[in-house]
Structures are given as structure tokens and as C-alpha cells.
C-alpha atoms as a PDB file:
ATOM      1  CA  MET A   1      91.400  21.828  26.105  1.00  0.00           C
ATOM      2  CA  GLN A   2      91.567  22.080  29.911  1.00  0.00           C
ATOM      3  CA  ARG A   3      95.360  21.872  29.920  1.00  0.00           C
ATOM      4  CA  ARG A   4      95.612  24.604  27.262  1.00  0.00           C
ATOM      5  CA  PHE A   5      93.324  26.877  29.243  1.00  0.00           C
ATOM      6  CA  GLN A   6      95.219  26.361  32.485  1.00  0.00           C
ATOM      7  CA  ASN A   7      98.627  26.928  30.934  1.00  0.00           C
ATOM      8  CA  ALA A   8      97.393  30.083  29.218  1.00  0.00           C
ATOM      9  CA  LEU A   9      95.888  31.269  32.481  1.00  0.00           C
ATOM     10  CA  LEU A  10      99.119  30.709  34.376  1.00  0.00           C
ATOM     11  CA  ILE A  11     101.147  32.630  31.781  1.00  0.00           C
ATOM     12  CA  ALA A  12      98.703  35.525  31.712  1.00  0.00           C
ATOM     13  CA  LEU A  13      98.406  35.870  35.449  1.00  0.00           C
ATOM     14  CA  VAL A  14     102.062  35.462  36.311  1.00  0.00           C
ATOM     15  CA  ALA A  15     103.029  37.925  33.578  1.00  0.00           C
ATOM     16  CA  GLY A  16     101.294  40.769  35.336  1.00  0.00           C
ATOM     17  CA  PHE A  17      98.526  41.313  37.838  1.00  0.00           C
ATOM     18  CA  GLY A  18      97.634  43.668  40.644  1.00  0.00           C
ATOM     19  CA  VAL A  19      95.485  43.444  43.748  1.00  0.00           C
ATOM     20  CA  SER A  20      93.460  46.456  44.777  1.00  0.00           C
ATOM     21  CA  SER A  21      91.954  47.192  48.159  1.00  0.00           C
ATOM     22  CA  GLY A  22      88.323  47.641  47.234  1.00  0.00           C
ATOM     23  CA  PRO A  23      85.406  48.697  49.442  1.00  0.00           C
ATOM     24  CA  LEU A  24      84.401  46.551  52.380  1.00  0.00           C
ATOM     25  CA  HIS A  25      82.749  43.359  51.194  1.00  0.00           C
ATOM     26  CA  ALA A  26      83.254  44.323  47.549  1.00  0.00           C
ATOM     27  CA  GLN A  27      81.120  42.282  45.176  1.00  0.00           C
ATOM     28  CA  ALA A  28      82.615  40.462  42.210  1.00  0.00           C
ATOM     29  CA  GLN A  29      80.892  41.610  39.039  1.00  0.00           C
ATOM     30  CA  SER A  30      79.634  39.348  36.272  1.00  0.00           C
ATOM     31  CA  THR A  31      80.348  41.981  33.630  1.00  0.00           C
ATOM     32  CA  ALA A  32      83.821  43.030  32.571  1.00  0.00           C
ATOM     33  CA  LYS A  33      85.293  45.863  34.614  1.00  0.00           C
ATOM     34  CA  VAL A  34      86.647  48.911  32.834  1.00  0.00           C
ATOM     35  CA  GLN A  35      90.234  49.078  34.027  1.00  0.00           C
ATOM     36  CA  PRO A  36      91.732  52.444  35.061  1.00  0.00           C
ATOM     37  CA  GLY A  37      94.237  52.647  32.174  1.00  0.00           C
ATOM     38  CA  GLU A  38      97.024  55.184  31.770  1.00  0.00           C
ATOM     39  CA  GLY A  39      99.590  52.568  32.750  1.00  0.00           C
ATOM     40  CA  ARG A  40      98.061  51.864  36.160  1.00  0.00           C
ATOM     41  CA  PRO A  41      98.043  48.285  37.527  1.00  0.00           C
ATOM     42  CA  TYR A  42      95.405  45.789  36.484  1.00  0.00           C
ATOM     43  CA  GLU A  43      92.875  45.411  39.304  1.00  0.00           C
ATOM     44  CA  ILE A  44      91.260  42.186  40.441  1.00  0.00           C
ATOM     45  CA  VAL A  45      87.557  42.890  40.757  1.00  0.00           C
ATOM     46  CA  GLY A  46      86.014  42.112  44.135  1.00  0.00           C
ATOM     47  CA  SER A  47      89.341  41.834  45.942  1.00  0.00           C
ATOM     48  CA  GLU A  48      90.404  43.422  49.200  1.00  0.00           C
ATOM     49  CA  VAL A  49      93.770  43.781  50.931  1.00  0.00           C
ATOM     50  CA  TRP A  50      94.068  43.934  54.711  1.00  0.00           C
ATOM     51  CA  ASP A  51      97.056  44.355  57.004  1.00  0.00           C
ATOM     52  CA  VAL A  52      97.099  41.575  59.607  1.00  0.00           C
ATOM     53  CA  PRO A  53     100.347  41.888  61.582  1.00  0.00           C
ATOM     54  CA  ASP A  54     101.789  39.226  63.835  1.00  0.00           C
ATOM     55  CA  PRO A  55     102.153  40.732  67.330  1.00  0.00           C
ATOM     56  CA  VAL A  56     104.444  37.927  68.465  1.00  0.00           C
ATOM     57  CA  SER A  57     107.127  38.204  65.786  1.00  0.00           C
ATOM     58  CA  GLY A  58     106.462  41.882  65.109  1.00  0.00           C
ATOM     59  CA  ARG A  59     106.287  41.194  61.380  1.00  0.00           C
ATOM     60  CA  ASP A  60     103.750  42.774  59.101  1.00  0.00           C
ATOM     61  CA  TYR A  61     101.728  40.567  56.799  1.00  0.00           C
ATOM     62  CA  GLN A  62      98.758  41.144  54.537  1.00  0.00           C
ATOM     63  CA  VAL A  63      95.824  38.981  53.580  1.00  0.00           C
ATOM     64  CA  PHE A  64      94.170  39.216  50.175  1.00  0.00           C
ATOM     65  CA  VAL A  65      90.438  38.468  50.107  1.00  0.00           C
ATOM     66  CA  ALA A  66      88.164  37.669  47.160  1.00  0.00           C
ATOM     67  CA  LEU A  67      84.461  37.252  47.789  1.00  0.00           C
ATOM     68  CA  PRO A  68      82.187  34.931  45.817  1.00  0.00           C
ATOM     69  CA  PRO A  69      79.733  36.346  43.247  1.00  0.00           C
ATOM     70  CA  SER A  70      76.658  35.763  45.434  1.00  0.00           C
ATOM     71  CA  TYR A  71      78.103  37.290  48.607  1.00  0.00           C
ATOM     72  CA  ALA A  72      76.245  40.638  48.498  1.00  0.00           C
ATOM     73  CA  LYS A  73      73.028  39.123  47.161  1.00  0.00           C
ATOM     74  CA  GLN A  74      72.650  36.479  49.887  1.00  0.00           C
ATOM     75  CA  PRO A  75      73.311  38.286  53.181  1.00  0.00           C
ATOM     76  CA  GLN A  76      72.293  35.327  55.352  1.00  0.00           C
ATOM     77  CA  ARG A  77      74.539  32.816  53.634  1.00  0.00           C
ATOM     78  CA  ARG A  78      77.825  31.589  55.069  1.00  0.00           C
ATOM     79  CA  TYR A  79      80.681  30.327  52.921  1.00  0.00           C
ATOM     80  CA  PRO A  80      83.637  27.940  53.118  1.00  0.00           C
ATOM     81  CA  VAL A  81      86.974  29.720  53.313  1.00  0.00           C
ATOM     82  CA  LEU A  82      90.014  28.658  51.305  1.00  0.00           C
ATOM     83  CA  TYR A  83      93.343  29.874  52.708  1.00  0.00           C
ATOM     84  CA  VAL A  84      96.199  29.772  50.206  1.00  0.00           C
ATOM     85  CA  THR A  85      99.916  30.287  50.799  1.00  0.00           C
ATOM     86  CA  ASP A  86     102.266  32.034  48.348  1.00  0.00           C
ATOM     87  CA  ALA A  87      99.413  34.407  47.610  1.00  0.00           C
ATOM     88  CA  ASP A  88     101.416  36.613  45.257  1.00  0.00           C
ATOM     89  CA  TYR A  89     100.955  34.033  42.498  1.00  0.00           C
ATOM     90  CA  ALA A  90      98.345  31.602  43.805  1.00  0.00           C
ATOM     91  CA  PHE A  91      95.622  34.061  44.832  1.00  0.00           C
ATOM     92  CA  PRO A  92      94.793  35.419  41.350  1.00  0.00           C
ATOM     93  CA  ILE A  93      95.114  32.000  39.721  1.00  0.00           C
ATOM     94  CA  ILE A  94      92.715  30.306  42.133  1.00  0.00           C
ATOM     95  CA  ARG A  95      90.289  33.192  42.030  1.00  0.00           C
ATOM     96  CA  GLN A  96      89.984  32.919  38.256  1.00  0.00           C
ATOM     97  CA  ILE A  97      89.857  29.124  38.181  1.00  0.00           C
ATOM     98  CA  ALA A  98      87.005  29.120  40.705  1.00  0.00           C
ATOM     99  CA  ARG A  99      84.950  31.458  38.565  1.00  0.00           C
ATOM    100  CA  ARG A 100      85.767  29.628  35.362  1.00  0.00           C
ATOM    101  CA  LEU A 101      84.622  26.300  36.772  1.00  0.00           C
ATOM    102  CA  ASN A 102      81.139  27.714  37.380  1.00  0.00           C
ATOM    103  CA  VAL A 103      80.652  29.544  34.072  1.00  0.00           C
ATOM    104  CA  GLU A 104      78.169  26.968  32.729  1.00  0.00           C
ATOM    105  CA  GLY A 105      76.487  26.212  36.028  1.00  0.00           C
ATOM    106  CA  PRO A 106      77.718  25.403  39.534  1.00  0.00           C
ATOM    107  CA  LYS A 107      80.408  22.723  39.567  1.00  0.00           C
ATOM    108  CA  ILE A 108      81.995  23.767  42.866  1.00  0.00           C
ATOM    109  CA  GLU A 109      80.662  25.591  45.909  1.00  0.00           C
ATOM    110  CA  GLU A 110      81.302  29.287  46.103  1.00  0.00           C
ATOM    111  CA  PHE A 111      83.899  30.176  48.721  1.00  0.00           C
ATOM    112  CA  ILE A 112      85.740  33.066  50.294  1.00  0.00           C
ATOM    113  CA  LEU A 113      89.338  33.074  49.082  1.00  0.00           C
ATOM    114  CA  VAL A 114      92.050  34.288  51.464  1.00  0.00           C
ATOM    115  CA  GLY A 115      95.584  34.760  50.180  1.00  0.00           C
ATOM    116  CA  LEU A 116      98.416  34.607  52.724  1.00  0.00           C
ATOM    117  CA  SER A 117     101.077  37.078  51.674  1.00  0.00           C
ATOM    118  CA  TYR A 118     104.776  37.116  52.365  1.00  0.00           C
ATOM    119  CA  GLY A 119     106.114  39.452  55.026  1.00  0.00           C
ATOM    120  CA  LYS A 120     105.675  43.042  53.924  1.00  0.00           C
ATOM    121  CA  GLY A 121     108.798  44.317  52.220  1.00  0.00           C
ATOM    122  CA  GLU A 122     110.417  40.884  52.176  1.00  0.00           C
ATOM    123  CA  ASP A 123     111.575  38.819  49.236  1.00  0.00           C
ATOM    124  CA  GLY A 124     109.211  35.914  48.768  1.00  0.00           C
ATOM    125  CA  MET A 125     111.883  33.257  49.234  1.00  0.00           C
ATOM    126  CA  VAL A 126     113.132  34.856  52.436  1.00  0.00           C
ATOM    127  CA  SER A 127     109.633  34.860  53.856  1.00  0.00           C
ATOM    128  CA  ARG A 128     108.543  31.392  52.770  1.00  0.00           C
ATOM    129  CA  GLN A 129     111.718  29.536  53.722  1.00  0.00           C
ATOM    130  CA  ARG A 130     111.380  30.981  57.228  1.00  0.00           C
ATOM    131  CA  ASP A 131     107.602  30.684  57.715  1.00  0.00           C
ATOM    132  CA  TYR A 132     106.840  27.438  55.873  1.00  0.00           C
ATOM    133  CA  THR A 133     109.644  25.138  57.083  1.00  0.00           C
ATOM    134  CA  PRO A 134     109.449  23.023  60.264  1.00  0.00           C
ATOM    135  CA  THR A 135     113.090  22.941  61.418  1.00  0.00           C
ATOM    136  CA  PRO A 136     116.146  25.196  61.089  1.00  0.00           C
ATOM    137  CA  ASN A 137     117.917  22.540  59.032  1.00  0.00           C
ATOM    138  CA  GLY A 138     117.507  24.068  55.593  1.00  0.00           C
ATOM    139  CA  PRO A 139     118.928  22.622  52.376  1.00  0.00           C
ATOM    140  CA  SER A 140     122.632  22.952  51.673  1.00  0.00           C
ATOM    141  CA  THR A 141     121.828  25.023  48.581  1.00  0.00           C
ATOM    142  CA  ALA A 142     120.239  27.804  50.646  1.00  0.00           C
ATOM    143  CA  PRO A 143     122.199  31.028  51.232  1.00  0.00           C
ATOM    144  CA  ALA A 144     124.386  30.999  54.321  1.00  0.00           C
ATOM    145  CA  ASN A 145     122.291  33.694  56.029  1.00  0.00           C
ATOM    146  CA  ALA A 146     118.941  32.069  55.245  1.00  0.00           C
ATOM    147  CA  VAL A 147     116.552  31.573  58.169  1.00  0.00           C
ATOM    148  CA  HIS A 148     114.473  28.392  58.312  1.00  0.00           C
ATOM    149  CA  GLY A 149     112.304  26.578  60.809  1.00  0.00           C
ATOM    150  CA  GLN A 150     109.689  29.033  62.082  1.00  0.00           C
ATOM    151  CA  ALA A 151     106.622  27.261  60.725  1.00  0.00           C
ATOM    152  CA  ARG A 152     105.261  26.588  64.220  1.00  0.00           C
ATOM    153  CA  ALA A 153     105.264  30.329  64.916  1.00  0.00           C
ATOM    154  CA  TYR A 154     103.561  31.010  61.589  1.00  0.00           C
ATOM    155  CA  GLN A 155     101.005  28.279  62.299  1.00  0.00           C
ATOM    156  CA  LYS A 156     100.194  30.045  65.574  1.00  0.00           C
ATOM    157  CA  TYR A 157      99.826  33.314  63.660  1.00  0.00           C
ATOM    158  CA  LEU A 158      97.297  31.672  61.334  1.00  0.00           C
ATOM    159  CA  ARG A 159      95.361  30.268  64.278  1.00  0.00           C
ATOM    160  CA  ASP A 160      95.394  33.330  66.540  1.00  0.00           C
ATOM    161  CA  GLN A 161      95.363  36.231  64.082  1.00  0.00           C
ATOM    162  CA  VAL A 162      94.337  35.386  60.517  1.00  0.00           C
ATOM    163  CA  LYS A 163      91.428  33.025  61.092  1.00  0.00           C
ATOM    164  CA  PRO A 164      89.824  35.217  63.799  1.00  0.00           C
ATOM    165  CA  PHE A 165      90.290  38.265  61.549  1.00  0.00           C
ATOM    166  CA  ILE A 166      88.445  36.572  58.688  1.00  0.00           C
ATOM    167  CA  SER A 167      85.704  35.182  60.949  1.00  0.00           C
ATOM    168  CA  ALA A 168      85.060  38.610  62.447  1.00  0.00           C
ATOM    169  CA  ARG A 169      84.682  40.383  59.088  1.00  0.00           C
ATOM    170  CA  TYR A 170      83.117  37.859  56.766  1.00  0.00           C
ATOM    171  CA  ARG A 171      80.353  35.312  56.809  1.00  0.00           C
ATOM    172  CA  ALA A 172      82.662  32.360  57.109  1.00  0.00           C
ATOM    173  CA  GLU A 173      81.223  28.921  57.763  1.00  0.00           C
ATOM    174  CA  PRO A 174      83.055  27.928  60.972  1.00  0.00           C
ATOM    175  CA  ALA A 175      83.476  24.244  60.125  1.00  0.00           C
ATOM    176  CA  ARG A 176      84.579  24.771  56.513  1.00  0.00           C
ATOM    177  CA  ALA A 177      88.162  26.064  56.434  1.00  0.00           C
ATOM    178  CA  ILE A 178      90.459  24.668  53.736  1.00  0.00           C
ATOM    179  CA  PHE A 179      94.238  25.015  53.491  1.00  0.00           C
ATOM    180  CA  LEU A 180      96.023  25.044  50.126  1.00  0.00           C
ATOM    181  CA  GLY A 181      99.787  25.060  49.753  1.00  0.00           C
ATOM    182  CA  HIS A 182     102.301  24.090  47.099  1.00  0.00           C
ATOM    183  CA  SER A 183     105.934  23.035  47.654  1.00  0.00           C
ATOM    184  CA  TYR A 184     107.104  24.699  50.885  1.00  0.00           C
ATOM    185  CA  GLY A 185     103.512  25.852  51.356  1.00  0.00           C
ATOM    186  CA  ALA A 186     102.397  22.215  51.320  1.00  0.00           C
ATOM    187  CA  LEU A 187     105.204  21.361  53.741  1.00  0.00           C
ATOM    188  CA  LEU A 188     103.611  23.843  56.123  1.00  0.00           C
ATOM    189  CA  GLY A 189     100.280  22.161  55.441  1.00  0.00           C
ATOM    190  CA  THR A 190     101.603  18.730  56.375  1.00  0.00           C
ATOM    191  CA  GLN A 191     102.940  20.137  59.634  1.00  0.00           C
ATOM    192  CA  ILE A 192      99.526  21.584  60.477  1.00  0.00           C
ATOM    193  CA  LEU A 193      97.787  18.350  59.457  1.00  0.00           C
ATOM    194  CA  PHE A 194      99.923  16.263  61.824  1.00  0.00           C
ATOM    195  CA  THR A 195     100.170  18.668  64.749  1.00  0.00           C
ATOM    196  CA  GLU A 196      96.874  20.586  64.743  1.00  0.00           C
ATOM    197  CA  PRO A 197      94.615  18.967  62.138  1.00  0.00           C
ATOM    198  CA  GLY A 198      91.467  20.684  63.382  1.00  0.00           C
ATOM    199  CA  LEU A 199      92.793  24.087  62.328  1.00  0.00           C
ATOM    200  CA  PHE A 200      91.411  23.235  58.880  1.00  0.00           C
ATOM    201  CA  ASN A 201      88.960  20.550  57.831  1.00  0.00           C
ATOM    202  CA  GLY A 202      90.333  20.242  54.295  1.00  0.00           C
ATOM    203  CA  TYR A 203      93.848  20.259  52.859  1.00  0.00           C
ATOM    204  CA  ILE A 204      95.145  20.598  49.311  1.00  0.00           C
ATOM    205  CA  LEU A 205      98.804  19.610  49.566  1.00  0.00           C
ATOM    206  CA  GLY A 206     100.683  20.154  46.322  1.00  0.00           C
ATOM    207  CA  SER A 207     104.129  18.765  45.587  1.00  0.00           C
ATOM    208  CA  PRO A 208     104.994  18.964  49.287  1.00  0.00           C
ATOM    209  CA  SER A 209     108.685  19.300  50.054  1.00  0.00           C
ATOM    210  CA  LEU A 210     108.697  16.100  52.091  1.00  0.00           C
ATOM    211  CA  TRP A 211     112.429  15.739  51.424  1.00  0.00           C
ATOM    212  CA  TYR A 212     113.094  18.666  53.775  1.00  0.00           C
ATOM    213  CA  ASP A 213     115.406  17.846  56.708  1.00  0.00           C
ATOM    214  CA  LYS A 214     115.596  14.105  56.080  1.00  0.00           C
ATOM    215  CA  ARG A 215     111.844  13.753  55.496  1.00  0.00           C
ATOM    216  CA  HIS A 216     110.905  15.421  58.757  1.00  0.00           C
ATOM    217  CA  ALA A 217     107.243  15.620  57.729  1.00  0.00           C
ATOM    218  CA  LEU A 218     106.989  11.842  57.486  1.00  0.00           C
ATOM    219  CA  LYS A 219     108.311  11.628  61.039  1.00  0.00           C
ATOM    220  CA  LEU A 220     105.538  13.992  62.109  1.00  0.00           C
ATOM    221  CA  GLU A 221     103.027  11.683  60.456  1.00  0.00           C
ATOM    222  CA  ALA A 222     104.420   8.657  62.293  1.00  0.00           C
ATOM    223  CA  SER A 223     104.416  10.520  65.608  1.00  0.00           C
ATOM    224  CA  TYR A 224     100.805  11.579  65.110  1.00  0.00           C
ATOM    225  CA  ALA A 225      99.797   7.980  64.402  1.00  0.00           C
ATOM    226  CA  THR A 226     101.257   6.743  67.697  1.00  0.00           C
ATOM    227  CA  GLN A 227      99.045   9.107  69.660  1.00  0.00           C
ATOM    228  CA  ASN A 228      95.807   9.252  67.665  1.00  0.00           C
ATOM    229  CA  GLN A 229      93.227   6.813  66.353  1.00  0.00           C
ATOM    230  CA  ASP A 230      91.642   9.185  63.846  1.00  0.00           C
ATOM    231  CA  LEU A 231      92.526  12.011  61.476  1.00  0.00           C
ATOM    232  CA  PRO A 232      89.274  13.833  60.611  1.00  0.00           C
ATOM    233  CA  ALA A 233      90.180  15.709  57.432  1.00  0.00           C
ATOM    234  CA  SER A 234      89.675  15.685  53.673  1.00  0.00           C
ATOM    235  CA  VAL A 235      93.010  15.711  51.854  1.00  0.00           C
ATOM    236  CA  TYR A 236      93.903  16.108  48.185  1.00  0.00           C
ATOM    237  CA  LEU A 237      97.573  15.256  47.661  1.00  0.00           C
ATOM    238  CA  TYR A 238      99.178  15.890  44.281  1.00  0.00           C
ATOM    239  CA  VAL A 239     102.538  15.855  42.557  1.00  0.00           C
ATOM    240  CA  GLY A 240     103.712  16.123  38.953  1.00  0.00           C
ATOM    241  CA  ALA A 241     104.987  12.985  37.234  1.00  0.00           C
ATOM    242  CA  TYR A 242     108.207  14.784  36.261  1.00  0.00           C
ATOM    243  CA  GLU A 243     108.945  15.430  39.937  1.00  0.00           C
ATOM    244  CA  ALA A 244     110.291  11.893  40.137  1.00  0.00           C
ATOM    245  CA  LEU A 245     114.059  11.420  40.264  1.00  0.00           C
ATOM    246  CA  GLN A 246     115.534  10.474  36.909  1.00  0.00           C
ATOM    247  CA  LYS A 247     119.067  11.720  36.452  1.00  0.00           C
ATOM    248  CA  GLY A 248     120.115  12.621  32.953  1.00  0.00           C
ATOM    249  CA  ASP A 249     116.610  13.493  31.785  1.00  0.00           C
ATOM    250  CA  ARG A 250     116.103  17.208  32.345  1.00  0.00           C
ATOM    251  CA  ARG A 251     112.346  16.875  32.375  1.00  0.00           C
ATOM    252  CA  TYR A 252     112.665  15.164  35.760  1.00  0.00           C
ATOM    253  CA  ASN A 253     114.032  16.155  39.149  1.00  0.00           C
ATOM    254  CA  GLN A 254     117.755  15.652  39.458  1.00  0.00           C
ATOM    255  CA  THR A 255     118.206  15.606  43.240  1.00  0.00           C
ATOM    256  CA  VAL A 256     115.038  14.464  45.064  1.00  0.00           C
ATOM    257  CA  ASP A 257     112.220  12.046  44.252  1.00  0.00           C
ATOM    258  CA  MET A 258     109.069  13.922  45.202  1.00  0.00           C
ATOM    259  CA  VAL A 259     106.818  11.337  43.564  1.00  0.00           C
ATOM    260  CA  ALA A 260     108.251   8.585  45.767  1.00  0.00           C
ATOM    261  CA  ASP A 261     107.908  10.794  48.845  1.00  0.00           C
ATOM    262  CA  SER A 262     104.296  11.629  48.002  1.00  0.00           C
ATOM    263  CA  ARG A 263     103.501   7.954  47.519  1.00  0.00           C
ATOM    264  CA  ALA A 264     105.175   7.152  50.836  1.00  0.00           C
ATOM    265  CA  LEU A 265     102.897   9.642  52.575  1.00  0.00           C
ATOM    266  CA  GLU A 266      99.854   8.247  50.759  1.00  0.00           C
ATOM    267  CA  THR A 267     100.765   4.679  51.731  1.00  0.00           C
ATOM    268  CA  ALA A 268     101.340   5.653  55.362  1.00  0.00           C
ATOM    269  CA  LEU A 269      97.990   7.414  55.630  1.00  0.00           C
ATOM    270  CA  GLN A 270      96.087   4.613  53.920  1.00  0.00           C
ATOM    271  CA  GLY A 271      97.648   2.126  56.304  1.00  0.00           C
ATOM    272  CA  ARG A 272      96.404   3.986  59.377  1.00  0.00           C
ATOM    273  CA  ASN A 273      92.759   3.245  58.540  1.00  0.00           C
ATOM    274  CA  TYR A 274      91.604   6.499  60.070  1.00  0.00           C
ATOM    275  CA  PRO A 275      87.790   6.469  59.989  1.00  0.00           C
ATOM    276  CA  GLY A 276      87.522  10.239  59.520  1.00  0.00           C
ATOM    277  CA  LEU A 277      90.158  10.644  56.797  1.00  0.00           C
ATOM    278  CA  LYS A 278      89.108  11.206  53.203  1.00  0.00           C
ATOM    279  CA  LEU A 279      92.190  11.009  50.977  1.00  0.00           C
ATOM    280  CA  LYS A 280      92.779  11.350  47.268  1.00  0.00           C
ATOM    281  CA  SER A 281      96.280  11.259  45.810  1.00  0.00           C
ATOM    282  CA  ALA A 282      97.247  12.053  42.236  1.00  0.00           C
ATOM    283  CA  VAL A 283     100.412  11.926  40.137  1.00  0.00           C
ATOM    284  CA  LEU A 284      99.639  14.227  37.212  1.00  0.00           C
ATOM    285  CA  ASN A 285     101.214  13.230  33.922  1.00  0.00           C
ATOM    286  CA  ASP A 286     103.360  15.612  31.837  1.00  0.00           C
ATOM    287  CA  GLU A 287     103.765  18.058  34.739  1.00  0.00           C
ATOM    288  CA  ASP A 288     106.777  19.226  36.721  1.00  0.00           C
ATOM    289  CA  HIS A 289     107.140  21.245  39.919  1.00  0.00           C
ATOM    290  CA  LEU A 290     106.418  24.546  38.177  1.00  0.00           C
ATOM    291  CA  THR A 291     103.682  23.568  35.729  1.00  0.00           C
ATOM    292  CA  VAL A 292     101.551  21.291  37.889  1.00  0.00           C
ATOM    293  CA  ALA A 293      99.933  23.897  40.143  1.00  0.00           C
ATOM    294  CA  PRO A 294      97.094  25.358  37.987  1.00  0.00           C
ATOM    295  CA  ARG A 295      95.902  21.951  36.835  1.00  0.00           C
ATOM    296  CA  ALA A 296      96.067  20.523  40.344  1.00  0.00           C
ATOM    297  CA  PHE A 297      94.420  23.569  41.918  1.00  0.00           C
ATOM    298  CA  THR A 298      91.465  22.843  39.648  1.00  0.00           C
ATOM    299  CA  GLN A 299      91.337  19.184  40.645  1.00  0.00           C
ATOM    300  CA  GLY A 300      91.708  20.008  44.332  1.00  0.00           C
ATOM    301  CA  LEU A 301      88.812  22.467  44.238  1.00  0.00           C
ATOM    302  CA  LYS A 302      86.649  19.913  42.461  1.00  0.00           C
ATOM    303  CA  TYR A 303      87.519  17.279  45.067  1.00  0.00           C
ATOM    304  CA  LEU A 304      86.917  19.341  48.199  1.00  0.00           C
ATOM    305  CA  LEU A 305      84.195  21.717  47.034  1.00  0.00           C
ATOM    306  CA  ALA A 306      82.224  19.772  44.442  1.00  0.00           C
ATOM    307  CA  VAL A 307      78.522  20.575  44.219  1.00  0.00           C
ATOM    308  CA  ARG A 308      76.723  17.382  45.164  1.00  0.00           C
END
């Protein structure tokens, strides 16, 4: 039943959705919103869109914000904040999953959801392959004019612009910031985890592109381990079973073994015996790189934000 719901949700949301810039601190409603009609875009209730440019690169970005149902009713309460990359698709999916999980009573904590958009006016792939990758050594299949390797600059943008922007405008709980990324987004997450882990206290790393530039992310992990005795973070690491390498079977990856890479990262982290690390790793059956996200988003939220 859960799989059917998640697959239906993914199809419905990817097929067509809009994000509206509502009033400051808009409140998500429990009753169905009457949509504007006349062919206008579907609006996500309780969402806001803000321009948060990067003064260093000169690029314009937006953040999408969805507030939890209790936000307006509990003015003294502070909330965890979940920052998600690839917001064009992930923001509406996660927003709906979070509400669905709590329909029959609280299963996860309410949180402020922040979607990290692509550069304004840019194609999503152009933006993500530049901002989410750690080195300029992109894959051979990338276009000749593709730009890679500016993840450190984007990480600085998150630290110096986005997080302060959210903290200044919303009742964010300072010690409860969670990063969620899938694929290249998770590659960015691994870089942050092994270079500036305190930027977030929780990480949902989905199907991370650990293969990138000869497994550069695993080298970052090894370098971190030589200089640190602890890694204080909660991490949910996931990958789809069909992301393993099995040539000739089109259900599986045909060029890289992302299951093996994910297990290598899991094994490395378990072997460090970091006292402050809380790690859960999952290989989700019957899922590939494209289908695994909604199901794993659900599991990641339940792992990091479960109501105790």
C-alpha cells in the first residue's frame, strides 16, 4: 500500500505543480484549498518563494519555504529545518509526504521545509552539475561546455546566505538543521559531511554519485578520518537495489555500481567508530535511481524526525 501511494504521489507531483509566493509566514490549511482555476497554475498551500542571491558568484537563486501546520498557532515554538536540493521536484514531494505521515497522529516532528532551487533562468542540469559536484572533472558523457566542480562555493553560499536568511525570518531551532540530497545532491551532501559536518546535524544522502571523479567523495571521507576522532551527525544513507551494476539486465545500472559504492561508504564509516555518529544504511528492493526517492524520503524522515 505504501509503495502504491508513493508511486502515485510521484507521478502526480512531477506531472504538474506550481509554487506560489504566499503571505509572510503563510499557514498550511487542514481543509482543501479552492484553487484559482481558469488554467492558472496549481498552488501549494502554505508555501513561500524568496530570492536569495549569491553575492560572491553573482548568481540569483530562490528558496522555497513550506511551514508546518502548527506554525501560526504556536508562536513560541521553534522547528527543525530540512534543506532539500533539486527543489523543483523534491520540495512538493517532501512537503506532501510529511503531511501524509501525520494524518492519523504524529509520526514525525513537524519541520520547516526549505527547497534549494537551481540558478534562476538556468536549466536544472546546468545548475546542479556546477553547484553539486566537488571537482571540475565531470563525466565523459557530459557536454563539452559543461561546468563542474563549484560545490565548495555553493556550500559557502548555503552557510553564509541561505541558513542566515532562514534563521532571521523563521523560528528555526538552531541545532536542528537537516540536509537532504539525491544523486548529485547527495554528492554535495557527502562533501559537506566530510569538510564541514557541523553545517547540518542530520543528513539524508540518497543514491549519492560516489563514482564521480574516481570516487572523490570516498577520498574526502578518508581524509576527514585522518584528522578527526568524531563525526557528530545522524545520517540516513540509501540506494535502490537496481542501482547495482549488472550488464545485460536493463533494470540495473550499466556503467557504475552505486550499491557497491554506498556499501563502501557505510563500511568505512562503521569502521571509524565515531562516538557521535548515528548511521543507518538501506538498499531498497525493486527500486532504481529514478524510482527510489519518494520511498526513501519517507524512510529518511522517519529515521531523523521520528516522534519519540
